Amino acid sequence: NAEYMGHPIHVSKCMLIDPSTGKPTKIRFGFLTDGQKVRISKTTNTIIPKPVFPGSSPKVRNKNKIDGPKDTPPEKVIEVTYKGEDFAKIKREFEEFIREKERRERLLVFQE
């Protein structure tokens, strides 16, 4: 006996169906021996598989995609535009700056 609700149901109020009993159950997360994260029913300790939607993978979604005028062409994607920094030059400039600063400080005379 379901009532119509005029607003969406929050995900925390939804329960998954236990595949062994067919009834709603709370879940916990666990890991298989191969490291895969799975959902486990708290009542029966049954693994609840995630549904597989054939159109949900990016490969399937983008199967018939045609590049538009704002898409970056592949040759531009692999083009190297950043060559890096010349750290030796930066270090020389910094050392020169410090030498000049120390030279100016030696010229200062403070009266005591």
N, C-alpha and C. Protein backbone atom coordinates (compact mmCIF):
# COMPACT_ATOMS: atom_id res chain seq x y z
N ASN A 1 0.86 -1.17 0.00
CA ASN A 1 0.00 0.00 0.00
C ASN A 1 0.90 1.23 0.00
N ALA A 2 1.26 1.70 -1.16
CA ALA A 2 2.18 2.83 -1.28
C ALA A 2 1.39 4.12 -1.41
N GLU A 3 1.91 5.14 -0.75
CA GLU A 3 1.31 6.47 -0.86
C GLU A 3 2.11 7.28 -1.85
N TYR A 4 1.44 8.19 -2.55
CA TYR A 4 2.14 9.08 -3.46
C TYR A 4 2.76 10.20 -2.66
N MET A 5 4.04 10.43 -2.87
CA MET A 5 4.72 11.53 -2.19
C MET A 5 5.09 12.54 -3.26
N GLY A 6 4.85 13.80 -3.01
CA GLY A 6 5.09 14.84 -3.98
C GLY A 6 6.52 15.35 -4.00
N HIS A 7 7.43 14.66 -3.35
CA HIS A 7 8.83 15.09 -3.34
C HIS A 7 9.73 13.86 -3.41
N PRO A 8 10.99 14.07 -3.79
CA PRO A 8 11.90 12.93 -3.91
C PRO A 8 12.23 12.31 -2.55
N ILE A 9 12.61 11.06 -2.57
CA ILE A 9 13.01 10.36 -1.35
C ILE A 9 14.53 10.45 -1.24
N HIS A 10 15.02 10.80 -0.07
CA HIS A 10 16.46 10.89 0.14
C HIS A 10 17.07 9.50 0.11
N VAL A 11 18.31 9.43 -0.37
CA VAL A 11 18.98 8.14 -0.52
C VAL A 11 19.14 7.42 0.82
N SER A 12 19.22 8.16 1.91
CA SER A 12 19.37 7.52 3.22
C SER A 12 18.09 6.82 3.66
N LYS A 13 16.95 7.16 3.03
CA LYS A 13 15.68 6.53 3.38
C LYS A 13 15.36 5.33 2.50
N CYS A 14 16.22 5.05 1.53
CA CYS A 14 16.01 3.91 0.63
C CYS A 14 16.78 2.71 1.14
N MET A 15 16.23 1.53 0.92
CA MET A 15 16.91 0.30 1.31
C MET A 15 17.04 -0.60 0.09
N LEU A 16 18.11 -1.36 0.06
CA LEU A 16 18.31 -2.31 -1.03
C LEU A 16 17.56 -3.60 -0.73
N ILE A 17 17.25 -4.35 -1.76
CA ILE A 17 16.55 -5.62 -1.61
C ILE A 17 17.58 -6.73 -1.46
N ASP A 18 17.43 -7.51 -0.39
CA ASP A 18 18.31 -8.66 -0.16
C ASP A 18 17.97 -9.73 -1.19
N PRO A 19 18.94 -10.18 -2.01
CA PRO A 19 18.63 -11.15 -3.05
C PRO A 19 18.19 -12.52 -2.51
N SER A 20 18.56 -12.87 -1.28
CA SER A 20 18.18 -14.18 -0.76
C SER A 20 16.78 -14.19 -0.16
N THR A 21 16.34 -13.04 0.41
CA THR A 21 15.01 -13.01 1.03
C THR A 21 14.00 -12.22 0.22
N GLY A 22 14.47 -11.32 -0.64
CA GLY A 22 13.56 -10.49 -1.42
C GLY A 22 12.96 -9.35 -0.61
N LYS A 23 13.52 -9.09 0.58
CA LYS A 23 13.00 -8.02 1.45
C LYS A 23 14.05 -6.92 1.59
N PRO A 24 13.59 -5.70 1.96
CA PRO A 24 14.54 -4.60 2.16
C PRO A 24 15.50 -4.91 3.30
N THR A 25 16.74 -4.45 3.15
CA THR A 25 17.75 -4.70 4.18
C THR A 25 18.74 -3.54 4.25
N LYS A 26 19.35 -3.39 5.39
CA LYS A 26 20.45 -2.44 5.53
C LYS A 26 21.69 -3.13 4.99
N ILE A 27 22.68 -2.32 4.61
CA ILE A 27 23.88 -2.91 4.05
C ILE A 27 25.11 -2.42 4.78
N ARG A 28 26.18 -3.16 4.57
CA ARG A 28 27.51 -2.74 4.99
C ARG A 28 28.43 -3.01 3.81
N PHE A 29 29.60 -2.45 3.86
CA PHE A 29 30.55 -2.66 2.77
C PHE A 29 31.66 -3.58 3.25
N GLY A 30 32.13 -4.41 2.34
CA GLY A 30 33.22 -5.33 2.62
C GLY A 30 34.10 -5.44 1.39
N PHE A 31 35.17 -6.18 1.52
CA PHE A 31 36.10 -6.35 0.42
C PHE A 31 36.31 -7.84 0.15
N LEU A 32 36.35 -8.20 -1.12
CA LEU A 32 36.65 -9.57 -1.52
C LEU A 32 38.16 -9.80 -1.43
N THR A 33 38.59 -11.03 -1.61
CA THR A 33 40.02 -11.34 -1.51
C THR A 33 40.83 -10.64 -2.59
N ASP A 34 40.20 -10.32 -3.73
CA ASP A 34 40.93 -9.62 -4.79
C ASP A 34 40.93 -8.10 -4.60
N GLY A 35 40.32 -7.60 -3.50
CA GLY A 35 40.32 -6.18 -3.19
C GLY A 35 39.10 -5.42 -3.69
N GLN A 36 38.19 -6.11 -4.34
CA GLN A 36 36.99 -5.44 -4.87
C GLN A 36 36.03 -5.11 -3.73
N LYS A 37 35.51 -3.87 -3.72
CA LYS A 37 34.56 -3.42 -2.70
C LYS A 37 33.16 -3.91 -3.08
N VAL A 38 32.45 -4.54 -2.12
CA VAL A 38 31.11 -5.07 -2.40
C VAL A 38 30.15 -4.64 -1.30
N ARG A 39 28.84 -4.68 -1.64
CA ARG A 39 27.78 -4.39 -0.67
C ARG A 39 27.31 -5.71 -0.08
N ILE A 40 27.16 -5.75 1.24
CA ILE A 40 26.77 -6.97 1.93
C ILE A 40 25.53 -6.70 2.77
N SER A 41 24.55 -7.60 2.69
CA SER A 41 23.33 -7.49 3.48
C SER A 41 23.67 -7.70 4.95
N LYS A 42 23.14 -6.84 5.84
CA LYS A 42 23.41 -6.99 7.27
C LYS A 42 22.64 -8.14 7.89
N THR A 43 21.50 -8.49 7.29
CA THR A 43 20.68 -9.55 7.89
C THR A 43 21.16 -10.95 7.51
N THR A 44 21.53 -11.16 6.26
CA THR A 44 21.90 -12.51 5.80
C THR A 44 23.34 -12.63 5.33
N ASN A 45 24.11 -11.54 5.36
CA ASN A 45 25.50 -11.53 4.89
C ASN A 45 25.64 -11.97 3.44
N THR A 46 24.62 -11.69 2.64
CA THR A 46 24.66 -12.01 1.22
C THR A 46 25.23 -10.81 0.47
N ILE A 47 26.05 -11.09 -0.54
CA ILE A 47 26.58 -10.01 -1.37
C ILE A 47 25.47 -9.50 -2.28
N ILE A 48 25.28 -8.18 -2.29
CA ILE A 48 24.26 -7.56 -3.14
C ILE A 48 24.98 -6.97 -4.34
N PRO A 49 24.83 -7.57 -5.52
CA PRO A 49 25.56 -7.07 -6.69
C PRO A 49 24.99 -5.74 -7.17
N LYS A 50 25.87 -4.93 -7.75
CA LYS A 50 25.40 -3.68 -8.36
C LYS A 50 24.80 -4.01 -9.71
N PRO A 51 23.71 -3.34 -10.08
CA PRO A 51 23.10 -3.63 -11.38
C PRO A 51 24.00 -3.15 -12.51
N VAL A 52 23.97 -3.86 -13.61
CA VAL A 52 24.77 -3.51 -14.77
C VAL A 52 23.85 -2.92 -15.82
N PHE A 53 24.08 -1.65 -16.15
CA PHE A 53 23.30 -0.99 -17.19
C PHE A 53 24.17 -0.95 -18.44
N PRO A 54 23.71 -1.51 -19.54
CA PRO A 54 24.57 -1.59 -20.71
C PRO A 54 24.99 -0.23 -21.27
N GLY A 55 24.21 0.79 -21.08
CA GLY A 55 24.55 2.10 -21.64
C GLY A 55 25.28 3.01 -20.67
N SER A 56 25.74 2.47 -19.53
CA SER A 56 26.31 3.34 -18.51
C SER A 56 27.80 3.56 -18.65
N SER A 57 28.50 2.76 -19.44
CA SER A 57 29.94 2.95 -19.56
C SER A 57 30.25 4.08 -20.54
N PRO A 58 31.32 4.82 -20.31
CA PRO A 58 31.67 5.93 -21.22
C PRO A 58 31.92 5.46 -22.65
N LYS A 59 32.45 4.24 -22.79
CA LYS A 59 32.72 3.72 -24.13
C LYS A 59 31.42 3.58 -24.92
N VAL A 60 30.35 3.11 -24.27
CA VAL A 60 29.06 2.95 -24.93
C VAL A 60 28.38 4.31 -25.14
N ARG A 61 28.47 5.19 -24.13
CA ARG A 61 27.82 6.49 -24.24
C ARG A 61 28.41 7.33 -25.35
N ASN A 62 29.71 7.22 -25.57
CA ASN A 62 30.39 8.06 -26.56
C ASN A 62 30.63 7.34 -27.88
N LYS A 63 29.94 6.24 -28.11
CA LYS A 63 30.17 5.41 -29.28
C LYS A 63 29.94 6.19 -30.57
N ASN A 64 28.87 6.95 -30.67
CA ASN A 64 28.52 7.66 -31.89
C ASN A 64 28.84 9.15 -31.83
N LYS A 65 29.76 9.53 -30.93
CA LYS A 65 30.07 10.95 -30.73
C LYS A 65 30.85 11.49 -31.93
N ILE A 66 30.47 12.66 -32.37
CA ILE A 66 31.16 13.35 -33.45
C ILE A 66 31.79 14.61 -32.86
N ASP A 67 33.08 14.81 -33.13
CA ASP A 67 33.77 15.99 -32.60
C ASP A 67 33.18 17.26 -33.19
N GLY A 68 32.93 18.23 -32.30
CA GLY A 68 32.39 19.51 -32.72
C GLY A 68 33.49 20.55 -32.85
N PRO A 69 33.12 21.78 -33.14
CA PRO A 69 34.13 22.84 -33.33
C PRO A 69 34.87 23.21 -32.05
N LYS A 70 34.29 22.94 -30.88
CA LYS A 70 34.95 23.30 -29.63
C LYS A 70 35.75 22.15 -29.03
N ASP A 71 35.75 20.97 -29.67
CA ASP A 71 36.53 19.84 -29.19
C ASP A 71 37.98 20.00 -29.60
N THR A 72 38.90 19.61 -28.71
CA THR A 72 40.33 19.70 -29.00
C THR A 72 40.75 18.53 -29.88
N PRO A 73 41.41 18.81 -31.00
CA PRO A 73 41.85 17.71 -31.87
C PRO A 73 42.96 16.90 -31.21
N PRO A 74 43.07 15.60 -31.54
CA PRO A 74 44.07 14.74 -30.89
C PRO A 74 45.51 15.24 -31.03
N GLU A 75 45.87 15.82 -32.17
CA GLU A 75 47.25 16.29 -32.34
C GLU A 75 47.58 17.44 -31.41
N LYS A 76 46.59 18.24 -31.04
CA LYS A 76 46.80 19.33 -30.08
C LYS A 76 46.92 18.79 -28.66
N VAL A 77 46.22 17.68 -28.37
CA VAL A 77 46.25 17.11 -27.03
C VAL A 77 47.64 16.60 -26.70
N ILE A 78 48.31 15.96 -27.65
CA ILE A 78 49.62 15.38 -27.37
C ILE A 78 50.77 16.38 -27.59
N GLU A 79 50.47 17.59 -28.03
CA GLU A 79 51.51 18.60 -28.25
C GLU A 79 52.09 19.07 -26.92
N VAL A 80 53.41 19.08 -26.82
CA VAL A 80 54.08 19.52 -25.60
C VAL A 80 54.24 21.04 -25.67
N THR A 81 53.61 21.74 -24.72
CA THR A 81 53.67 23.20 -24.73
C THR A 81 54.46 23.76 -23.55
N TYR A 82 54.73 22.95 -22.54
CA TYR A 82 55.47 23.40 -21.36
C TYR A 82 56.83 22.72 -21.35
N LYS A 83 57.87 23.49 -21.41
CA LYS A 83 59.22 22.94 -21.49
C LYS A 83 59.90 22.83 -20.13
N GLY A 84 59.31 23.38 -19.12
CA GLY A 84 59.91 23.32 -17.79
C GLY A 84 60.65 24.62 -17.47
N GLU A 85 61.21 24.67 -16.30
CA GLU A 85 61.93 25.86 -15.83
C GLU A 85 63.43 25.63 -15.90
N ASP A 86 64.17 26.71 -16.12
CA ASP A 86 65.63 26.66 -16.07
C ASP A 86 66.03 27.00 -14.63
N PHE A 87 66.14 25.94 -13.79
CA PHE A 87 66.37 26.16 -12.37
C PHE A 87 67.77 26.71 -12.11
N ALA A 88 68.73 26.41 -12.96
CA ALA A 88 70.08 26.96 -12.78
C ALA A 88 70.05 28.47 -12.96
N LYS A 89 69.30 28.96 -13.94
CA LYS A 89 69.18 30.40 -14.17
C LYS A 89 68.47 31.07 -13.00
N ILE A 90 67.41 30.44 -12.51
CA ILE A 90 66.67 31.00 -11.37
C ILE A 90 67.58 31.09 -10.15
N LYS A 91 68.39 30.04 -9.92
CA LYS A 91 69.30 30.04 -8.77
C LYS A 91 70.35 31.15 -8.92
N ARG A 92 70.90 31.34 -10.12
CA ARG A 92 71.89 32.41 -10.35
C ARG A 92 71.27 33.78 -10.07
N GLU A 93 70.05 34.00 -10.57
CA GLU A 93 69.37 35.29 -10.33
C GLU A 93 69.13 35.52 -8.86
N PHE A 94 68.74 34.47 -8.13
CA PHE A 94 68.48 34.60 -6.70
C PHE A 94 69.78 34.92 -5.95
N GLU A 95 70.86 34.20 -6.28
CA GLU A 95 72.14 34.45 -5.62
C GLU A 95 72.64 35.86 -5.91
N GLU A 96 72.44 36.34 -7.13
CA GLU A 96 72.83 37.71 -7.47
C GLU A 96 72.00 38.72 -6.66
N PHE A 97 70.72 38.44 -6.50
CA PHE A 97 69.84 39.30 -5.70
C PHE A 97 70.34 39.36 -4.26
N ILE A 98 70.70 38.22 -3.69
CA ILE A 98 71.18 38.19 -2.30
C ILE A 98 72.51 38.95 -2.18
N ARG A 99 73.42 38.76 -3.13
CA ARG A 99 74.70 39.49 -3.09
C ARG A 99 74.47 41.00 -3.12
N GLU A 100 73.57 41.44 -4.00
CA GLU A 100 73.27 42.87 -4.11
C GLU A 100 72.64 43.40 -2.82
N LYS A 101 71.76 42.60 -2.24
CA LYS A 101 71.11 43.01 -0.98
C LYS A 101 72.16 43.14 0.13
N GLU A 102 73.06 42.17 0.23
CA GLU A 102 74.09 42.23 1.27
C GLU A 102 75.03 43.41 1.03
N ARG A 103 75.35 43.71 -0.22
CA ARG A 103 76.20 44.86 -0.53
C ARG A 103 75.54 46.16 -0.07
N ARG A 104 74.24 46.30 -0.33
CA ARG A 104 73.52 47.52 0.10
C ARG A 104 73.47 47.62 1.62
N GLU A 105 73.28 46.47 2.30
CA GLU A 105 73.22 46.48 3.76
C GLU A 105 74.57 46.90 4.38
N ARG A 106 75.70 46.54 3.72
CA ARG A 106 77.02 46.94 4.23
C ARG A 106 77.23 48.44 4.10
N LEU A 107 76.54 49.07 3.11
CA LEU A 107 76.69 50.51 2.92
C LEU A 107 75.88 51.31 3.94
N LEU A 108 74.92 50.68 4.58
CA LEU A 108 74.10 51.39 5.58
C LEU A 108 74.94 51.68 6.82
N VAL A 109 74.76 52.86 7.34
CA VAL A 109 75.47 53.24 8.56
C VAL A 109 74.42 53.66 9.57
N PHE A 110 74.48 53.00 10.70
CA PHE A 110 73.54 53.33 11.76
C PHE A 110 74.28 54.06 12.87
N GLN A 111 73.72 55.16 13.34
CA GLN A 111 74.36 55.90 14.42
C GLN A 111 73.85 55.35 15.74
N GLU A 112 74.79 55.13 16.62
CA GLU A 112 74.40 54.58 17.93
C GLU A 112 74.42 55.63 19.00
